Amino acid sequence: MGVLQNVIRELGDIVNGLSVSSKEKQKIQEEIQSLVYRYKSELVREQSAAVGDEMRGNWLQRSWRPIVMLVLTLLVVLGVFTGAPMLSDSSRFWDLLEIGVGGYVIGRSGEQITGSLLSRKRK
């Protein structure tokens, strides 16, 4: 949400630089804020729908993220005990792991949100 706040703040600064009345500036800022939040809502809704479709799929579709994370964890554990060069400080493996963990956390959050939304619709 912090990114949205920054965008709205910067757009507000641009609006404040305009040569219009303060009432018009306020109206423009409110419209920008409304627009940004509407598109953010649509993005979250689309992400939830994608995760919901994935959850209704077969076992592999529901389980691919945990499987990937288990494989990456296994690689780290094996690398610690074998001294694999892939785990050196300059290796791109850590970038991949960071992306994987971020995607896993966001994906799981999306699954939980989708599950919550779907259960509300059924009530």
N, C-alpha and C. Protein backbone atom coordinates (compact mmCIF):
# COMPACT_ATOMS: atom_id res chain seq x y z
N MET A 1 0.82 -1.18 0.00
CA MET A 1 0.00 0.00 0.00
C MET A 1 0.88 1.25 0.00
N GLY A 2 2.09 1.14 0.49
CA GLY A 2 2.99 2.28 0.54
C GLY A 2 3.29 2.86 -0.83
N VAL A 3 3.39 2.00 -1.83
CA VAL A 3 3.67 2.47 -3.19
C VAL A 3 2.52 3.34 -3.67
N LEU A 4 1.29 2.88 -3.42
CA LEU A 4 0.13 3.68 -3.83
C LEU A 4 0.12 5.03 -3.14
N GLN A 5 0.44 5.05 -1.87
CA GLN A 5 0.47 6.32 -1.14
C GLN A 5 1.50 7.26 -1.75
N ASN A 6 2.67 6.72 -2.13
CA ASN A 6 3.71 7.55 -2.75
C ASN A 6 3.25 8.10 -4.09
N VAL A 7 2.59 7.25 -4.89
CA VAL A 7 2.10 7.71 -6.20
C VAL A 7 1.06 8.81 -6.01
N ILE A 8 0.15 8.59 -5.08
CA ILE A 8 -0.89 9.59 -4.84
C ILE A 8 -0.26 10.89 -4.34
N ARG A 9 0.72 10.78 -3.45
CA ARG A 9 1.38 11.98 -2.92
C ARG A 9 2.09 12.75 -4.04
N GLU A 10 2.80 12.02 -4.91
CA GLU A 10 3.52 12.69 -6.00
C GLU A 10 2.54 13.32 -6.99
N LEU A 11 1.45 12.62 -7.29
CA LEU A 11 0.45 13.22 -8.17
C LEU A 11 -0.18 14.44 -7.51
N GLY A 12 -0.36 14.38 -6.19
CA GLY A 12 -0.88 15.53 -5.45
C GLY A 12 0.05 16.72 -5.55
N ASP A 13 1.36 16.46 -5.50
CA ASP A 13 2.33 17.55 -5.64
C ASP A 13 2.23 18.19 -7.03
N ILE A 14 2.00 17.35 -8.04
CA ILE A 14 1.85 17.88 -9.40
C ILE A 14 0.59 18.74 -9.48
N VAL A 15 -0.50 18.24 -8.89
CA VAL A 15 -1.76 18.98 -8.90
C VAL A 15 -1.59 20.30 -8.16
N ASN A 16 -0.88 20.29 -7.04
CA ASN A 16 -0.67 21.53 -6.28
C ASN A 16 0.09 22.57 -7.07
N GLY A 17 0.88 22.13 -8.05
CA GLY A 17 1.63 23.06 -8.88
C GLY A 17 0.80 23.67 -10.00
N LEU A 18 -0.41 23.18 -10.18
CA LEU A 18 -1.27 23.71 -11.24
C LEU A 18 -1.82 25.08 -10.86
N SER A 19 -2.13 25.85 -11.87
CA SER A 19 -2.68 27.20 -11.65
C SER A 19 -4.20 27.15 -11.69
N VAL A 20 -4.78 26.47 -10.71
CA VAL A 20 -6.24 26.39 -10.59
C VAL A 20 -6.60 26.67 -9.14
N SER A 21 -7.87 26.85 -8.89
CA SER A 21 -8.31 27.14 -7.52
C SER A 21 -8.08 25.94 -6.61
N SER A 22 -8.02 26.20 -5.32
CA SER A 22 -7.78 25.12 -4.36
C SER A 22 -8.94 24.12 -4.36
N LYS A 23 -10.14 24.57 -4.65
CA LYS A 23 -11.29 23.68 -4.73
C LYS A 23 -11.13 22.71 -5.90
N GLU A 24 -10.67 23.22 -7.04
CA GLU A 24 -10.44 22.37 -8.21
C GLU A 24 -9.29 21.40 -7.96
N LYS A 25 -8.24 21.88 -7.27
CA LYS A 25 -7.10 21.01 -6.94
C LYS A 25 -7.56 19.85 -6.07
N GLN A 26 -8.40 20.17 -5.08
CA GLN A 26 -8.91 19.13 -4.18
C GLN A 26 -9.73 18.10 -4.96
N LYS A 27 -10.56 18.57 -5.89
CA LYS A 27 -11.39 17.68 -6.70
C LYS A 27 -10.51 16.77 -7.56
N ILE A 28 -9.47 17.33 -8.18
CA ILE A 28 -8.56 16.55 -9.02
C ILE A 28 -7.85 15.49 -8.18
N GLN A 29 -7.38 15.87 -6.99
CA GLN A 29 -6.70 14.92 -6.12
C GLN A 29 -7.63 13.78 -5.70
N GLU A 30 -8.88 14.09 -5.40
CA GLU A 30 -9.84 13.05 -5.01
C GLU A 30 -10.11 12.11 -6.17
N GLU A 31 -10.22 12.66 -7.38
CA GLU A 31 -10.44 11.81 -8.55
C GLU A 31 -9.25 10.90 -8.82
N ILE A 32 -8.05 11.43 -8.67
CA ILE A 32 -6.84 10.62 -8.87
C ILE A 32 -6.80 9.49 -7.84
N GLN A 33 -7.05 9.83 -6.58
CA GLN A 33 -7.03 8.83 -5.52
C GLN A 33 -8.08 7.75 -5.78
N SER A 34 -9.25 8.14 -6.17
CA SER A 34 -10.32 7.19 -6.48
C SER A 34 -9.91 6.27 -7.63
N LEU A 35 -9.33 6.85 -8.66
CA LEU A 35 -8.88 6.07 -9.82
C LEU A 35 -7.82 5.06 -9.44
N VAL A 36 -6.83 5.49 -8.67
CA VAL A 36 -5.75 4.59 -8.27
C VAL A 36 -6.29 3.43 -7.44
N TYR A 37 -7.15 3.73 -6.48
CA TYR A 37 -7.70 2.67 -5.64
C TYR A 37 -8.62 1.73 -6.42
N ARG A 38 -9.35 2.26 -7.40
CA ARG A 38 -10.20 1.40 -8.21
C ARG A 38 -9.36 0.41 -9.00
N TYR A 39 -8.27 0.89 -9.61
CA TYR A 39 -7.41 -0.02 -10.37
C TYR A 39 -6.70 -1.00 -9.46
N LYS A 40 -6.34 -0.58 -8.26
CA LYS A 40 -5.72 -1.50 -7.31
C LYS A 40 -6.71 -2.59 -6.92
N SER A 41 -7.97 -2.23 -6.72
CA SER A 41 -9.01 -3.22 -6.38
C SER A 41 -9.18 -4.22 -7.51
N GLU A 42 -9.19 -3.71 -8.74
CA GLU A 42 -9.34 -4.60 -9.89
C GLU A 42 -8.15 -5.56 -10.00
N LEU A 43 -6.95 -5.06 -9.73
CA LEU A 43 -5.76 -5.91 -9.78
C LEU A 43 -5.85 -7.01 -8.73
N VAL A 44 -6.23 -6.66 -7.52
CA VAL A 44 -6.36 -7.65 -6.45
C VAL A 44 -7.44 -8.67 -6.81
N ARG A 45 -8.54 -8.21 -7.37
CA ARG A 45 -9.63 -9.11 -7.77
C ARG A 45 -9.15 -10.09 -8.84
N GLU A 46 -8.40 -9.60 -9.82
CA GLU A 46 -7.88 -10.48 -10.87
C GLU A 46 -6.88 -11.48 -10.31
N GLN A 47 -6.01 -11.03 -9.40
CA GLN A 47 -5.05 -11.95 -8.78
C GLN A 47 -5.79 -13.01 -7.97
N SER A 48 -6.81 -12.61 -7.25
CA SER A 48 -7.59 -13.56 -6.47
C SER A 48 -8.27 -14.58 -7.37
N ALA A 49 -8.79 -14.13 -8.50
CA ALA A 49 -9.44 -15.04 -9.43
C ALA A 49 -8.44 -16.05 -9.99
N ALA A 50 -7.23 -15.60 -10.29
CA ALA A 50 -6.21 -16.51 -10.81
C ALA A 50 -5.83 -17.56 -9.77
N VAL A 51 -5.67 -17.12 -8.53
CA VAL A 51 -5.32 -18.06 -7.46
C VAL A 51 -6.49 -19.00 -7.21
N GLY A 52 -7.71 -18.48 -7.28
CA GLY A 52 -8.89 -19.33 -7.11
C GLY A 52 -8.98 -20.40 -8.17
N ASP A 53 -8.69 -20.04 -9.42
CA ASP A 53 -8.68 -21.03 -10.50
C ASP A 53 -7.62 -22.09 -10.24
N GLU A 54 -6.47 -21.65 -9.75
CA GLU A 54 -5.39 -22.59 -9.46
C GLU A 54 -5.80 -23.54 -8.34
N MET A 55 -6.51 -23.04 -7.33
CA MET A 55 -6.93 -23.86 -6.20
C MET A 55 -7.96 -24.91 -6.61
N ARG A 56 -8.73 -24.62 -7.63
CA ARG A 56 -9.74 -25.58 -8.09
C ARG A 56 -9.16 -26.60 -9.06
N GLY A 57 -7.89 -26.46 -9.40
CA GLY A 57 -7.27 -27.37 -10.35
C GLY A 57 -6.88 -28.69 -9.71
N ASN A 58 -6.07 -29.44 -10.44
CA ASN A 58 -5.65 -30.75 -9.94
C ASN A 58 -4.56 -30.62 -8.86
N TRP A 59 -4.10 -31.75 -8.36
CA TRP A 59 -3.14 -31.77 -7.26
C TRP A 59 -1.87 -30.98 -7.60
N LEU A 60 -1.35 -31.15 -8.81
CA LEU A 60 -0.12 -30.46 -9.19
C LEU A 60 -0.31 -28.95 -9.25
N GLN A 61 -1.44 -28.51 -9.77
CA GLN A 61 -1.72 -27.07 -9.83
C GLN A 61 -1.80 -26.46 -8.43
N ARG A 62 -2.35 -27.20 -7.49
CA ARG A 62 -2.47 -26.69 -6.12
C ARG A 62 -1.16 -26.77 -5.36
N SER A 63 -0.26 -27.66 -5.77
CA SER A 63 0.93 -27.96 -4.96
C SER A 63 2.25 -27.49 -5.54
N TRP A 64 2.25 -26.81 -6.68
CA TRP A 64 3.54 -26.51 -7.32
C TRP A 64 4.39 -25.57 -6.49
N ARG A 65 3.82 -24.59 -5.83
CA ARG A 65 4.64 -23.67 -5.03
C ARG A 65 5.31 -24.37 -3.86
N PRO A 66 4.57 -25.17 -3.08
CA PRO A 66 5.26 -25.88 -1.99
C PRO A 66 6.34 -26.83 -2.50
N ILE A 67 6.09 -27.47 -3.64
CA ILE A 67 7.10 -28.39 -4.19
C ILE A 67 8.36 -27.63 -4.57
N VAL A 68 8.20 -26.49 -5.24
CA VAL A 68 9.37 -25.68 -5.62
C VAL A 68 10.15 -25.23 -4.39
N MET A 69 9.44 -24.79 -3.37
CA MET A 69 10.12 -24.33 -2.16
C MET A 69 10.83 -25.48 -1.44
N LEU A 70 10.23 -26.66 -1.44
CA LEU A 70 10.90 -27.82 -0.83
C LEU A 70 12.17 -28.18 -1.60
N VAL A 71 12.12 -28.11 -2.92
CA VAL A 71 13.31 -28.39 -3.73
C VAL A 71 14.40 -27.37 -3.45
N LEU A 72 14.04 -26.08 -3.39
CA LEU A 72 15.03 -25.05 -3.10
C LEU A 72 15.61 -25.22 -1.70
N THR A 73 14.77 -25.59 -0.74
CA THR A 73 15.26 -25.84 0.62
C THR A 73 16.22 -27.03 0.63
N LEU A 74 15.87 -28.08 -0.10
CA LEU A 74 16.74 -29.25 -0.19
C LEU A 74 18.09 -28.87 -0.80
N LEU A 75 18.08 -28.03 -1.83
CA LEU A 75 19.34 -27.58 -2.45
C LEU A 75 20.20 -26.80 -1.45
N VAL A 76 19.57 -25.96 -0.65
CA VAL A 76 20.33 -25.19 0.35
C VAL A 76 20.93 -26.13 1.38
N VAL A 77 20.13 -27.08 1.87
CA VAL A 77 20.63 -28.02 2.89
C VAL A 77 21.76 -28.87 2.32
N LEU A 78 21.59 -29.38 1.12
CA LEU A 78 22.66 -30.17 0.50
C LEU A 78 23.90 -29.32 0.26
N GLY A 79 23.70 -28.08 -0.15
CA GLY A 79 24.83 -27.19 -0.40
C GLY A 79 25.61 -26.88 0.86
N VAL A 80 24.94 -26.80 1.99
CA VAL A 80 25.64 -26.53 3.25
C VAL A 80 26.56 -27.69 3.61
N PHE A 81 26.11 -28.91 3.37
CA PHE A 81 26.90 -30.07 3.75
C PHE A 81 27.90 -30.51 2.69
N THR A 82 27.73 -30.07 1.44
CA THR A 82 28.64 -30.49 0.39
C THR A 82 29.51 -29.36 -0.13
N GLY A 83 29.24 -28.13 0.28
CA GLY A 83 30.05 -27.00 -0.19
C GLY A 83 29.86 -26.72 -1.66
N ALA A 84 28.63 -26.81 -2.14
CA ALA A 84 28.34 -26.60 -3.56
C ALA A 84 28.67 -25.16 -3.97
N PRO A 85 29.33 -24.98 -5.12
CA PRO A 85 29.67 -23.64 -5.58
C PRO A 85 28.43 -22.80 -5.91
N MET A 86 27.32 -23.47 -6.13
CA MET A 86 26.09 -22.76 -6.45
C MET A 86 25.65 -21.86 -5.29
N LEU A 87 26.09 -22.15 -4.09
CA LEU A 87 25.67 -21.39 -2.92
C LEU A 87 26.68 -20.34 -2.50
N SER A 88 27.64 -20.01 -3.36
CA SER A 88 28.60 -18.96 -3.02
C SER A 88 27.88 -17.62 -2.94
N ASP A 89 28.51 -16.66 -2.29
CA ASP A 89 27.90 -15.35 -2.11
C ASP A 89 27.58 -14.65 -3.42
N SER A 90 28.35 -14.92 -4.46
CA SER A 90 28.14 -14.24 -5.74
C SER A 90 27.20 -15.01 -6.66
N SER A 91 26.64 -16.11 -6.20
CA SER A 91 25.76 -16.93 -7.02
C SER A 91 24.40 -16.27 -7.22
N ARG A 92 23.83 -16.43 -8.39
CA ARG A 92 22.49 -15.91 -8.69
C ARG A 92 21.40 -16.78 -8.04
N PHE A 93 21.81 -17.91 -7.47
CA PHE A 93 20.87 -18.80 -6.80
C PHE A 93 20.10 -18.05 -5.71
N TRP A 94 20.78 -17.16 -5.00
CA TRP A 94 20.14 -16.44 -3.90
C TRP A 94 19.06 -15.49 -4.42
N ASP A 95 19.28 -14.93 -5.60
CA ASP A 95 18.24 -14.09 -6.22
C ASP A 95 17.01 -14.93 -6.54
N LEU A 96 17.26 -16.12 -7.08
CA LEU A 96 16.17 -17.03 -7.40
C LEU A 96 15.41 -17.43 -6.13
N LEU A 97 16.15 -17.72 -5.09
CA LEU A 97 15.52 -18.10 -3.83
C LEU A 97 14.69 -16.95 -3.26
N GLU A 98 15.21 -15.74 -3.35
CA GLU A 98 14.48 -14.57 -2.86
C GLU A 98 13.18 -14.38 -3.63
N ILE A 99 13.23 -14.53 -4.94
CA ILE A 99 12.03 -14.42 -5.76
C ILE A 99 11.06 -15.54 -5.41
N GLY A 100 11.59 -16.73 -5.23
CA GLY A 100 10.74 -17.88 -4.88
C GLY A 100 10.03 -17.69 -3.56
N VAL A 101 10.75 -17.25 -2.55
CA VAL A 101 10.14 -17.04 -1.24
C VAL A 101 9.09 -15.93 -1.32
N GLY A 102 9.41 -14.85 -2.02
CA GLY A 102 8.45 -13.76 -2.17
C GLY A 102 7.20 -14.22 -2.89
N GLY A 103 7.36 -14.96 -3.97
CA GLY A 103 6.22 -15.49 -4.71
C GLY A 103 5.41 -16.47 -3.90
N TYR A 104 6.09 -17.28 -3.11
CA TYR A 104 5.39 -18.26 -2.28
C TYR A 104 4.54 -17.55 -1.24
N VAL A 105 5.13 -16.58 -0.57
CA VAL A 105 4.40 -15.85 0.48
C VAL A 105 3.21 -15.11 -0.11
N ILE A 106 3.42 -14.42 -1.23
CA ILE A 106 2.33 -13.69 -1.87
C ILE A 106 1.26 -14.66 -2.37
N GLY A 107 1.70 -15.77 -2.94
CA GLY A 107 0.75 -16.76 -3.43
C GLY A 107 -0.08 -17.36 -2.33
N ARG A 108 0.55 -17.70 -1.22
CA ARG A 108 -0.19 -18.26 -0.08
C ARG A 108 -1.16 -17.24 0.48
N SER A 109 -0.73 -15.99 0.55
CA SER A 109 -1.63 -14.94 1.03
C SER A 109 -2.84 -14.83 0.11
N GLY A 110 -2.57 -14.88 -1.19
CA GLY A 110 -3.66 -14.82 -2.16
C GLY A 110 -4.61 -15.99 -2.03
N GLU A 111 -4.07 -17.19 -1.78
CA GLU A 111 -4.92 -18.36 -1.59
C GLU A 111 -5.81 -18.18 -0.38
N GLN A 112 -5.25 -17.68 0.70
CA GLN A 112 -6.04 -17.49 1.91
C GLN A 112 -7.11 -16.42 1.71
N ILE A 113 -6.76 -15.34 1.02
CA ILE A 113 -7.74 -14.29 0.75
C ILE A 113 -8.84 -14.84 -0.14
N THR A 114 -8.47 -15.58 -1.18
CA THR A 114 -9.45 -16.15 -2.09
C THR A 114 -10.36 -17.12 -1.36
N GLY A 115 -9.77 -17.96 -0.53
CA GLY A 115 -10.58 -18.90 0.24
C GLY A 115 -11.57 -18.17 1.13
N SER A 116 -11.11 -17.09 1.74
CA SER A 116 -11.98 -16.28 2.59
C SER A 116 -13.11 -15.65 1.77
N LEU A 117 -12.77 -15.11 0.61
CA LEU A 117 -13.78 -14.47 -0.22
C LEU A 117 -14.78 -15.49 -0.76
N LEU A 118 -14.29 -16.67 -1.15
CA LEU A 118 -15.19 -17.69 -1.67
C LEU A 118 -16.12 -18.20 -0.60
N SER A 119 -15.63 -18.34 0.63
CA SER A 119 -16.49 -18.82 1.71
C SER A 119 -17.55 -17.77 2.06
N ARG A 120 -17.22 -16.49 1.92
CA ARG A 120 -18.22 -15.44 2.18
C ARG A 120 -19.33 -15.46 1.14
N LYS A 121 -18.96 -15.73 -0.12
CA LYS A 121 -19.95 -15.75 -1.18
C LYS A 121 -20.93 -16.90 -0.99
N ARG A 122 -20.47 -18.02 -0.42
CA ARG A 122 -21.33 -19.19 -0.24
C ARG A 122 -22.35 -18.98 0.87
N LYS A 123 -22.05 -18.09 1.81
CA LYS A 123 -22.94 -17.88 2.97
C LYS A 123 -24.20 -17.14 2.59
